[in-house]
Amino acid sequence: MPLPRPAGPRALWADLRAFWRDRPRHQYVAAILAVLIPIGIVVAFYIDGQTRLQPVQTYTYINSWPASRSDAEIRAAQKQRHERDQARRQQRQREFQRLDDQLNRLGI
């Protein structure tokens, strides 16, 4: 039994047109989504692969204190830092309180 002759590109396009001509509209949408979703996933992985893999260099600043400083100087510096941190916390608390008041006025 002889093999059939190979079909040409015109026959392929004619078959595809005949196949899709009688399809309902929702099958077109499903076909487009079936092609676009995997393409989107591959593109997302490609973009993610282009990101920098090396961690960003960070700088740590360390204060240098003389070994001869007294305990009173240490306590004064600690007290200063504590007061500065307390002021920051209170400012942040006031900001959150202001936000909470605005949300309460909106009924949230």
Protein backbone atom coordinates (compact mmCIF):
# COMPACT_ATOMS: atom_id res chain seq x y z
CA MET A 1 0.00 0.00 0.00
CA PRO A 2 1.56 3.31 -1.03
CA LEU A 3 1.97 6.16 1.44
CA PRO A 4 -0.13 9.30 0.87
CA ARG A 5 1.52 12.26 -0.76
CA PRO A 6 2.80 14.87 1.69
CA ALA A 7 0.46 17.84 1.97
CA GLY A 8 1.68 21.30 1.11
CA PRO A 9 1.36 24.49 3.12
CA ARG A 10 -1.77 25.54 1.23
CA ALA A 11 -3.53 22.35 2.28
CA LEU A 12 -2.43 22.91 5.88
CA TRP A 13 -3.83 26.45 5.92
CA ALA A 14 -7.05 25.29 4.26
CA ASP A 15 -7.47 22.57 6.90
CA LEU A 16 -6.82 25.00 9.72
CA ARG A 17 -9.28 27.53 8.29
CA ALA A 18 -11.95 24.85 7.93
CA PHE A 19 -11.28 23.63 11.47
CA TRP A 20 -11.57 27.08 13.07
CA ARG A 21 -14.41 28.35 10.86
CA ASP A 22 -17.07 26.36 12.71
CA ARG A 23 -15.75 26.96 16.23
CA PRO A 24 -17.70 29.07 18.75
CA ARG A 25 -16.22 32.33 19.95
CA HIS A 26 -15.28 31.14 23.46
CA GLN A 27 -12.97 28.51 21.98
CA TYR A 28 -10.95 31.27 20.31
CA VAL A 29 -10.53 32.97 23.68
CA ALA A 30 -9.56 29.68 25.32
CA ALA A 31 -7.02 28.95 22.58
CA ILE A 32 -5.45 32.39 22.89
CA LEU A 33 -5.22 32.05 26.68
CA ALA A 34 -3.78 28.55 26.34
CA VAL A 35 -0.94 30.02 24.29
CA LEU A 36 -0.42 33.28 26.22
CA ILE A 37 -0.30 31.88 29.77
CA PRO A 38 2.71 29.59 29.22
CA ILE A 39 4.43 32.35 27.25
CA GLY A 40 3.85 34.71 30.19
CA ILE A 41 5.29 32.19 32.63
CA VAL A 42 8.39 31.70 30.50
CA VAL A 43 8.85 35.48 30.17
CA ALA A 44 8.48 35.89 33.95
CA PHE A 45 11.17 33.28 34.58
CA TYR A 46 13.41 34.93 32.00
CA ILE A 47 13.03 38.35 33.62
CA ASP A 48 13.60 36.86 37.06
CA GLY A 49 16.76 35.20 35.77
CA GLN A 50 18.13 38.56 34.65
CA THR A 51 18.08 39.98 38.18
CA ARG A 52 21.31 40.43 40.07
CA LEU A 53 22.28 37.33 41.98
CA GLN A 54 25.00 39.04 43.97
CA PRO A 55 23.88 40.66 47.21
CA VAL A 56 24.17 44.42 47.37
CA GLN A 57 27.23 45.61 49.23
CA THR A 58 26.30 47.19 52.54
CA TYR A 59 28.35 49.52 54.66
CA THR A 60 28.49 49.33 58.43
CA TYR A 61 29.68 52.41 60.23
CA ILE A 62 31.24 51.79 63.62
CA ASN A 63 31.92 54.55 66.08
CA SER A 64 35.45 54.64 67.38
CA TRP A 65 35.76 55.64 71.00
CA PRO A 66 38.95 56.34 72.88
CA ALA A 67 39.82 53.70 75.48
CA SER A 68 40.41 56.41 78.06
CA ARG A 69 36.83 57.72 78.21
CA SER A 70 35.18 57.60 81.60
CA ASP A 71 32.04 55.79 82.71
CA ALA A 72 30.28 59.14 83.10
CA GLU A 73 30.93 59.95 79.43
CA ILE A 74 29.59 56.54 78.41
CA ARG A 75 26.43 57.01 80.48
CA ALA A 76 25.92 60.52 79.06
CA ALA A 77 26.21 59.22 75.49
CA GLN A 78 23.80 56.38 76.27
CA LYS A 79 21.33 58.82 77.82
CA GLN A 80 21.56 61.06 74.76
CA ARG A 81 20.90 58.12 72.41
CA HIS A 82 18.02 56.94 74.59
CA GLU A 83 16.39 60.39 74.56
CA ARG A 84 16.85 60.64 70.77
CA ASP A 85 15.29 57.20 70.29
CA GLN A 86 12.40 58.08 72.61
CA ALA A 87 11.74 61.27 70.65
CA ARG A 88 11.65 59.26 67.40
CA ARG A 89 9.27 56.71 68.91
CA GLN A 90 6.95 59.43 70.19
CA GLN A 91 6.97 61.18 66.80
CA ARG A 92 6.15 57.89 65.06
CA GLN A 93 3.39 57.22 67.61
CA ARG A 94 1.89 60.68 66.94
CA GLU A 95 1.94 59.94 63.18
CA PHE A 96 0.12 56.66 63.70
CA GLN A 97 -2.36 58.32 66.06
CA ARG A 98 -3.06 60.98 63.41
CA LEU A 99 -3.61 58.25 60.82
CA ASP A 100 -5.90 56.38 63.20
CA ASP A 101 -7.94 59.54 63.81
CA GLN A 102 -8.31 60.10 60.06
CA LEU A 103 -9.45 56.51 59.55
CA ASN A 104 -11.92 56.78 62.42
CA ARG A 105 -13.41 59.89 60.81
CA LEU A 106 -13.90 57.87 57.62
CA GLY A 107 -15.54 55.07 59.62
CA ILE A 108 -12.80 52.53 59.05
